[in-house]
C-alpha cells in the first residue's frame, strides 16, 4: 500500500532510480564480483597485481570515485559550528574507541572460541573505524554531512595514533589478563598512516579544493544547485565498482569456504545491529538532532574494511583465516548498513527528534 505520509512522499520523490533500488544494485554488484572471481581464471591475481607500492589501484580508484563527490558537497565553512557540539564529539569517541573494539572482542571470543584466526580477524575489523563508506550511508540516511566529515577526520587521526596500541592490547595483553590465548603481533604504524592518507586524504583534499574553487568562481548557488547534483551519482557508481572489485578479488575464497563465512558472518551481523542501535539510542538520549544522531550511529557501526584487510594480509598473509575474516567484513557490512539506512529513515518519521542538537553552538 502506498504511503500517505507527506514526508514519506517527499523523501521517496527525491530519490533517483539509482538511490531507490540501491539494495538491488548492491546485491547484483556482489553477485557479479563473485561470479567474475569464480569464472574468469586468474582475474583475482591480475587485479591484485595492479598496485602502487602495496596499495590496490582498482580499489583506490573505486574509493576515490565513491568518496570524492560526497566530500566535494561538504560545506566546510560550516564545520566550525559542528565542533561546538561537544556531546556528539564525546559520544562518538566513546562509541568508536571504547565500546566498538570491546564489543567486537567479546563477540569474537563468544562465537569463535575454537577459531583463533577468524577471531583475530574480527578483532582487527573492530579496531578499524570507518573512514570511507560511512559517508555514503550517512548521506543516504539524511545525516549531517558536515558532522560526518568531522567525525571521519577524527577517526582517521585516532586510527593513526591508536590502532597499533589497541591491536597489541586486544590481541596480546587483554587475553593474557583474562587467562585466554594470546599472540605476539606487530603492526606497522606507517602502513596504517599510509592507508588513511590514500583512502581519505586524497579525496578529502580534492573535495575541499573543488568546493573552494567552485564557490569562488561560480557562486554558492550554482555550486549547490547545479554542480553538486551532477557529481552526486558518481559516489554510488564508485561504491558499486568497489564492491565488484572486492568480491572479484576474493570470490574464490568466499565461495570455497561457505561454512567459515557463515561462522564469521554471525558475530559481524550481531555487532552491526548492536552498535548501530546503541549509538542511535544514546545519541537521542543525549539530545542530538536526527541528522547528528544518524551520523554518530553510522560512523560508530561502520568499519574500515580496507585497512582491516590490508593489516590482516600484511601480518598473517593473503591465505590466512584473518584475511578471510577481513574479506567477509564488507560481505556483511554492506547489506547490513544499507538495511539500517532504511531503519534510520523510518525512525526519523516515528520518533520525536529535537530540531537542533542540545548544547550545540
Protein backbone atom coordinates (compact mmCIF):
# COMPACT_ATOMS: atom_id res chain seq x y z
CA UNK A 1 0.00 0.00 0.00
CA UNK A 2 1.36 3.42 -0.89
CA UNK A 3 2.42 5.68 1.96
CA UNK A 4 0.15 8.61 2.82
CA UNK A 5 2.80 10.31 4.95
CA UNK A 6 3.68 13.59 3.16
CA UNK A 7 7.24 13.41 4.50
CA UNK A 8 7.45 9.89 3.11
CA UNK A 9 6.30 11.09 -0.29
CA UNK A 10 8.82 13.93 -0.37
CA UNK A 11 11.72 11.64 0.57
CA UNK A 12 10.75 8.97 -1.95
CA UNK A 13 10.14 11.56 -4.64
CA UNK A 14 13.66 12.95 -4.21
CA UNK A 15 15.26 9.55 -4.74
CA UNK A 16 16.66 8.73 -8.15
CA UNK A 17 16.25 5.26 -9.64
CA UNK A 18 19.82 4.53 -8.56
CA UNK A 19 19.08 5.50 -4.94
CA UNK A 20 15.66 3.87 -4.76
CA UNK A 21 16.87 0.45 -5.84
CA UNK A 22 20.31 0.64 -4.22
CA UNK A 23 19.94 -2.67 -2.30
CA UNK A 24 19.23 -4.44 -5.61
CA UNK A 25 22.25 -2.85 -7.33
CA UNK A 26 24.47 -3.80 -4.39
CA UNK A 27 23.30 -7.41 -4.44
CA UNK A 28 23.89 -7.52 -8.21
CA UNK A 29 27.37 -5.96 -7.78
CA UNK A 30 28.27 -8.52 -5.09
CA UNK A 31 26.99 -11.35 -7.30
CA UNK A 32 28.83 -10.01 -10.34
CA UNK A 33 32.07 -9.78 -8.39
CA UNK A 34 31.74 -13.32 -7.05
CA UNK A 35 30.92 -14.70 -10.49
CA UNK A 36 33.84 -12.87 -12.11
CA UNK A 37 36.18 -14.15 -9.43
CA UNK A 38 35.00 -17.72 -9.98
CA UNK A 39 34.53 -17.78 -13.75
CA UNK A 40 37.47 -15.74 -15.05
CA UNK A 41 40.70 -17.69 -14.46
CA UNK A 42 43.42 -15.60 -12.83
CA UNK A 43 41.28 -12.46 -12.53
CA UNK A 44 41.92 -12.16 -8.79
CA UNK A 45 45.67 -12.47 -9.35
CA UNK A 46 45.60 -9.93 -12.18
CA UNK A 47 43.59 -7.40 -10.15
CA UNK A 48 45.76 -7.92 -7.08
CA UNK A 49 48.88 -7.32 -9.16
CA UNK A 50 47.73 -3.83 -10.20
CA UNK A 51 49.33 -1.99 -7.30
CA UNK A 52 51.22 1.16 -6.49
CA UNK A 53 53.56 0.14 -3.68
CA UNK A 54 51.21 -2.19 -1.74
CA UNK A 55 48.02 -0.24 -2.50
CA UNK A 56 45.48 -1.87 -4.83
CA UNK A 57 44.97 0.63 -7.64
CA UNK A 58 41.46 -0.60 -8.66
CA UNK A 59 40.22 -0.35 -5.05
CA UNK A 60 41.88 3.05 -4.59
CA UNK A 61 40.17 4.32 -7.77
CA UNK A 62 36.79 2.96 -6.65
CA UNK A 63 37.10 4.51 -3.19
CA UNK A 64 38.12 7.86 -4.65
CA UNK A 65 35.12 7.82 -7.00
CA UNK A 66 32.92 6.91 -4.05
CA UNK A 67 34.20 9.49 -1.57
CA UNK A 68 35.11 12.50 -3.72
CA UNK A 69 31.53 13.53 -4.67
CA UNK A 70 30.42 13.31 -1.02
CA UNK A 71 33.41 15.28 0.25
CA UNK A 72 33.03 17.86 -2.53
CA UNK A 73 29.47 18.50 -1.29
CA UNK A 74 30.50 19.13 2.32
CA UNK A 75 30.09 22.78 3.40
CA UNK A 76 33.49 23.09 5.05
CA UNK A 77 32.73 26.62 6.13
CA UNK A 78 30.02 25.20 8.44
CA UNK A 79 32.19 22.60 10.17
CA UNK A 80 33.13 25.16 12.84
CA UNK A 81 29.53 25.04 14.08
CA UNK A 82 29.73 21.24 14.39
CA UNK A 83 32.84 21.34 16.59
CA UNK A 84 30.81 23.14 19.25
CA UNK A 85 28.61 20.06 19.72
CA UNK A 86 30.68 18.51 22.49
CA UNK A 87 28.08 15.85 23.33
CA UNK A 88 28.27 14.49 19.81
CA UNK A 89 32.09 14.53 19.76
CA UNK A 90 32.49 12.78 23.11
CA UNK A 91 29.79 10.24 22.34
CA UNK A 92 31.42 9.42 19.00
CA UNK A 93 34.85 8.97 20.60
CA UNK A 94 33.48 6.69 23.33
CA UNK A 95 31.48 4.58 20.87
CA UNK A 96 34.27 4.26 18.32
CA UNK A 97 37.31 3.76 20.51
CA UNK A 98 35.99 2.19 23.73
CA UNK A 99 32.68 0.42 23.09
CA UNK A 100 33.22 -0.72 19.47
CA UNK A 101 36.55 -2.56 19.91
CA UNK A 102 35.45 -4.04 23.26
CA UNK A 103 32.17 -5.30 21.80
CA UNK A 104 33.93 -6.96 18.86
CA UNK A 105 36.42 -8.58 21.26
CA UNK A 106 33.56 -10.06 23.31
CA UNK A 107 31.65 -11.27 20.24
CA UNK A 108 34.77 -12.78 18.65
CA UNK A 109 35.59 -14.81 21.76
CA UNK A 110 31.91 -15.73 22.29
CA UNK A 111 31.19 -17.02 18.79
CA UNK A 112 34.67 -18.22 17.71
CA UNK A 113 36.46 -19.58 20.79
CA UNK A 114 37.82 -22.50 18.74
CA UNK A 115 38.90 -20.47 15.68
CA UNK A 116 41.82 -18.22 16.69
CA UNK A 117 42.50 -16.98 13.15
CA UNK A 118 38.89 -15.93 12.47
CA UNK A 119 38.64 -14.49 15.97
CA UNK A 120 41.74 -12.37 15.45
CA UNK A 121 40.45 -11.19 12.08
CA UNK A 122 37.23 -9.98 13.68
CA UNK A 123 39.11 -8.11 16.40
CA UNK A 124 41.22 -6.42 13.70
CA UNK A 125 38.00 -5.33 11.97
CA UNK A 126 36.64 -3.95 15.24
CA UNK A 127 39.72 -1.76 15.66
CA UNK A 128 39.48 -0.31 12.13
CA UNK A 129 36.95 2.50 12.46
CA UNK A 130 35.17 3.56 9.31
CA UNK A 131 36.60 6.42 7.24
CA UNK A 132 35.18 5.65 3.79
CA UNK A 133 31.81 4.04 3.03
CA UNK A 134 30.23 5.62 6.11
CA UNK A 135 29.98 8.87 4.15
CA UNK A 136 27.68 7.11 1.67
CA UNK A 137 25.45 5.58 4.37
CA UNK A 138 25.30 8.90 6.23
CA UNK A 139 24.29 10.74 3.07
CA UNK A 140 21.59 8.20 2.17
CA UNK A 141 20.18 8.36 5.71
CA UNK A 142 19.99 12.19 5.54
CA UNK A 143 22.63 12.56 8.24
CA UNK A 144 24.62 15.71 8.92
CA UNK A 145 27.19 15.87 6.11
CA UNK A 146 29.46 18.35 7.88
CA UNK A 147 29.36 16.35 11.13
CA UNK A 148 30.15 13.21 9.12
CA UNK A 149 33.24 14.78 7.60
CA UNK A 150 34.40 15.96 11.03
CA UNK A 151 33.90 12.58 12.74
CA UNK A 152 35.60 10.75 9.87
CA UNK A 153 38.57 13.10 10.23
CA UNK A 154 38.73 12.47 13.99
CA UNK A 155 38.53 8.70 13.43
CA UNK A 156 41.37 8.96 10.93
CA UNK A 157 43.60 10.77 13.41
CA UNK A 158 42.83 8.30 16.21
CA UNK A 159 43.38 5.41 13.80
CA UNK A 160 46.92 6.59 13.11
CA UNK A 161 47.67 7.22 16.79
CA UNK A 162 45.86 4.34 18.48
CA UNK A 163 45.43 1.39 16.09
CA UNK A 164 48.75 -0.32 16.80
CA UNK A 165 48.44 0.22 20.56
CA UNK A 166 44.86 -1.10 20.71
CA UNK A 167 45.78 -4.04 18.47
CA UNK A 168 48.52 -5.08 20.88
CA UNK A 169 46.17 -4.61 23.85
CA UNK A 170 43.24 -6.64 22.48
CA UNK A 171 45.30 -9.41 20.87
CA UNK A 172 48.21 -9.83 23.28
CA UNK A 173 47.63 -8.12 26.64
CA UNK A 174 43.90 -8.40 27.47
CA UNK A 175 43.59 -12.11 26.59
CA UNK A 176 46.54 -12.78 28.90
CA UNK A 177 44.87 -10.90 31.75
CA UNK A 178 41.70 -12.94 31.23
CA UNK A 179 43.53 -16.26 31.02
CA UNK A 180 42.73 -16.66 27.30
CA UNK A 181 45.05 -17.46 24.43
CA UNK A 182 47.18 -14.52 23.29
CA UNK A 183 49.65 -13.93 20.47
CA UNK A 184 52.55 -11.68 19.65
CA UNK A 185 51.61 -9.17 16.98
CA UNK A 186 53.33 -6.31 15.21
CA UNK A 187 51.57 -3.51 13.36
CA UNK A 188 53.23 -1.05 11.05
CA UNK A 189 52.11 2.43 12.07
CA UNK A 190 53.36 3.75 8.73
CA UNK A 191 51.20 1.28 6.79
CA UNK A 192 48.15 2.39 8.79
CA UNK A 193 49.03 6.06 8.26
CA UNK A 194 49.54 5.48 4.54
CA UNK A 195 46.17 3.75 4.19
CA UNK A 196 44.43 6.68 5.90
CA UNK A 197 46.26 9.24 3.74
CA UNK A 198 45.44 7.40 0.50
CA UNK A 199 41.84 6.37 1.15
CA UNK A 200 40.74 9.54 2.95
CA UNK A 201 43.41 12.22 2.47
CA UNK A 202 43.40 12.36 -1.34
CA UNK A 203 39.59 12.59 -1.83
CA UNK A 204 39.32 14.96 1.14
CA UNK A 205 41.84 17.42 -0.31
CA UNK A 206 40.28 17.11 -3.78
CA UNK A 207 36.76 17.67 -2.42
CA UNK A 208 37.81 20.66 -0.31
CA UNK A 209 39.65 22.34 -3.19
CA UNK A 210 36.77 21.68 -5.58
CA UNK A 211 34.32 23.47 -3.28
CA UNK A 212 36.63 26.37 -2.57
CA UNK A 213 37.42 26.98 -6.25
CA UNK A 214 33.87 26.26 -7.48
CA UNK A 215 32.18 28.60 -4.99
CA UNK A 216 34.79 31.33 -5.56
CA UNK A 217 34.37 31.24 -9.36
CA UNK A 218 30.68 30.47 -9.90
CA UNK A 219 29.00 31.19 -6.56
CA UNK A 220 27.42 29.04 -3.87
CA UNK A 221 24.01 28.83 -5.56
CA UNK A 222 25.48 27.35 -8.75
CA UNK A 223 27.74 25.00 -6.80
CA UNK A 224 25.00 23.62 -4.51
CA UNK A 225 22.14 23.53 -7.03
CA UNK A 226 23.89 22.69 -10.33
CA UNK A 227 27.35 21.19 -9.80
CA UNK A 228 26.68 19.09 -6.67
CA UNK A 229 23.65 17.24 -8.11
CA UNK A 230 25.66 16.42 -11.25
CA UNK A 231 28.51 14.73 -9.38
CA UNK A 232 26.36 13.08 -6.67
CA UNK A 233 25.56 9.85 -8.63
CA UNK A 234 29.26 9.09 -9.10
CA UNK A 235 29.52 8.29 -5.38
CA UNK A 236 27.19 5.33 -5.83
CA UNK A 237 28.86 4.33 -9.10
CA UNK A 238 32.14 4.26 -7.18
CA UNK A 239 30.52 2.21 -4.41
CA UNK A 240 29.23 -0.40 -6.86
CA UNK A 241 32.56 -0.53 -8.71
CA UNK A 242 34.43 -1.03 -5.42
CA UNK A 243 32.07 -3.84 -4.39
CA UNK A 244 32.57 -5.64 -7.72
CA UNK A 245 36.36 -5.39 -7.42
CA UNK A 246 36.44 -6.52 -3.77
CA UNK A 247 34.30 -9.56 -4.41
CA UNK A 248 36.10 -10.41 -7.66
CA UNK A 249 39.38 -10.38 -5.73
CA UNK A 250 38.05 -12.72 -3.05
CA UNK A 251 35.37 -14.68 -4.93
CA UNK A 252 37.23 -17.99 -4.76
CA UNK A 253 37.98 -17.62 -1.06
CA UNK A 254 34.40 -16.74 -0.14
CA UNK A 255 32.69 -19.44 -2.23
CA UNK A 256 35.16 -22.21 -1.36
CA UNK A 257 34.62 -21.88 2.42
CA UNK A 258 30.88 -21.25 2.89
CA UNK A 259 30.68 -22.66 6.44
CA UNK A 260 33.60 -20.50 7.55
CA UNK A 261 31.90 -17.48 6.01
CA UNK A 262 28.70 -18.22 7.95
CA UNK A 263 30.59 -18.57 11.25
CA UNK A 264 32.32 -15.23 10.69
CA UNK A 265 29.12 -13.58 9.46
CA UNK A 266 27.08 -14.27 12.61
CA UNK A 267 29.13 -12.21 15.12
CA UNK A 268 29.59 -9.48 12.47
CA UNK A 269 25.83 -9.19 11.98
CA UNK A 270 25.26 -9.04 15.74
CA UNK A 271 27.98 -6.38 16.01
CA UNK A 272 26.50 -4.08 13.38
CA UNK A 273 22.99 -4.30 14.87
CA UNK A 274 24.11 -3.71 18.49
CA UNK A 275 26.49 -0.88 17.62
CA UNK A 276 24.02 0.96 15.41
CA UNK A 277 21.00 0.75 17.72
CA UNK A 278 23.07 1.51 20.83
CA UNK A 279 24.58 4.55 19.12
CA UNK A 280 21.23 5.80 17.82
CA UNK A 281 19.53 5.48 21.22
CA UNK A 282 22.41 7.07 23.15
CA UNK A 283 22.57 9.95 20.66
CA UNK A 284 18.86 10.59 21.03
CA UNK A 285 19.11 10.43 24.83
CA UNK A 286 21.99 12.92 24.64
CA UNK A 287 19.62 15.36 22.93
CA UNK A 288 21.13 15.22 19.44
CA UNK A 289 19.03 16.04 16.40
CA UNK A 290 18.08 13.24 13.99
CA UNK A 291 20.76 14.25 11.48
CA UNK A 292 23.58 14.15 14.02
CA UNK A 293 22.22 11.02 15.73
CA UNK A 294 22.27 9.20 12.38
CA UNK A 295 25.82 10.43 11.73
CA UNK A 296 27.01 9.18 15.13
CA UNK A 297 25.28 5.81 14.59
CA UNK A 298 26.71 5.13 11.14
CA UNK A 299 30.23 6.31 11.98
CA UNK A 300 30.18 4.03 15.05
CA UNK A 301 28.68 0.96 13.34
CA UNK A 302 30.79 1.03 10.16
CA UNK A 303 34.32 -0.31 9.90
CA UNK A 304 37.31 0.39 7.69
CA UNK A 305 37.47 -2.99 5.98
CA UNK A 306 40.13 -1.75 3.54
CA UNK A 307 42.51 -1.20 6.45
CA UNK A 308 41.46 -4.44 8.20
CA UNK A 309 42.14 -6.49 5.06
CA UNK A 310 45.47 -4.74 4.46
CA UNK A 311 46.61 -5.34 8.07
CA UNK A 312 45.49 -8.99 8.02
CA UNK A 313 47.28 -9.71 4.76
CA UNK A 314 50.39 -7.81 5.82
CA UNK A 315 50.69 -9.52 9.22
CA UNK A 316 49.32 -13.04 8.58
CA UNK A 317 49.28 -13.47 4.77
CA UNK A 318 46.70 -13.42 1.99
CA UNK A 319 45.61 -17.06 2.53
CA UNK A 320 45.21 -16.70 6.31
CA UNK A 321 41.99 -17.04 8.30
CA UNK A 322 42.50 -13.47 9.48
CA UNK A 323 42.43 -12.28 5.86
CA UNK A 324 39.28 -14.32 5.18
CA UNK A 325 37.55 -12.63 8.15
CA UNK A 326 38.57 -9.26 6.72
CA UNK A 327 37.07 -10.16 3.35
CA UNK A 328 33.80 -11.34 4.91
CA UNK A 329 33.55 -7.92 6.60
CA UNK A 330 32.18 -5.98 3.60
CA UNK A 331 30.13 -9.02 2.54
CA UNK A 332 28.08 -8.50 5.74
CA UNK A 333 28.59 -4.78 6.36
CA UNK A 334 27.30 -3.52 3.02
CA UNK A 335 23.82 -5.13 3.10
CA UNK A 336 23.55 -4.65 6.89
CA UNK A 337 24.19 -0.90 6.77
CA UNK A 338 22.03 -0.44 3.67
CA UNK A 339 19.18 -2.05 5.65
CA UNK A 340 19.95 0.25 8.59
CA UNK A 341 19.69 3.28 6.28
CA UNK A 342 16.03 2.36 5.77
CA UNK A 343 15.57 1.72 9.50
CA UNK A 344 17.10 5.13 10.20
CA UNK A 345 14.71 6.91 7.83
CA UNK A 346 11.80 5.03 9.40
CA UNK A 347 12.88 6.13 12.89
CA UNK A 348 13.13 9.72 11.69
CA UNK A 349 9.42 9.63 10.92
CA UNK A 350 8.34 7.67 14.00
CA UNK A 351 10.43 9.21 16.81
CA UNK A 352 10.30 12.77 18.07
CA UNK A 353 13.65 14.49 17.49
CA UNK A 354 14.84 17.94 18.62
CA UNK A 355 15.15 20.38 15.73
CA UNK A 356 18.76 21.09 16.72
CA UNK A 357 21.20 19.27 18.98
CA UNK A 358 21.13 20.39 22.61
CA UNK A 359 24.38 22.01 23.65
CA UNK A 360 25.47 22.65 20.06
CA UNK A 361 26.84 26.07 19.25
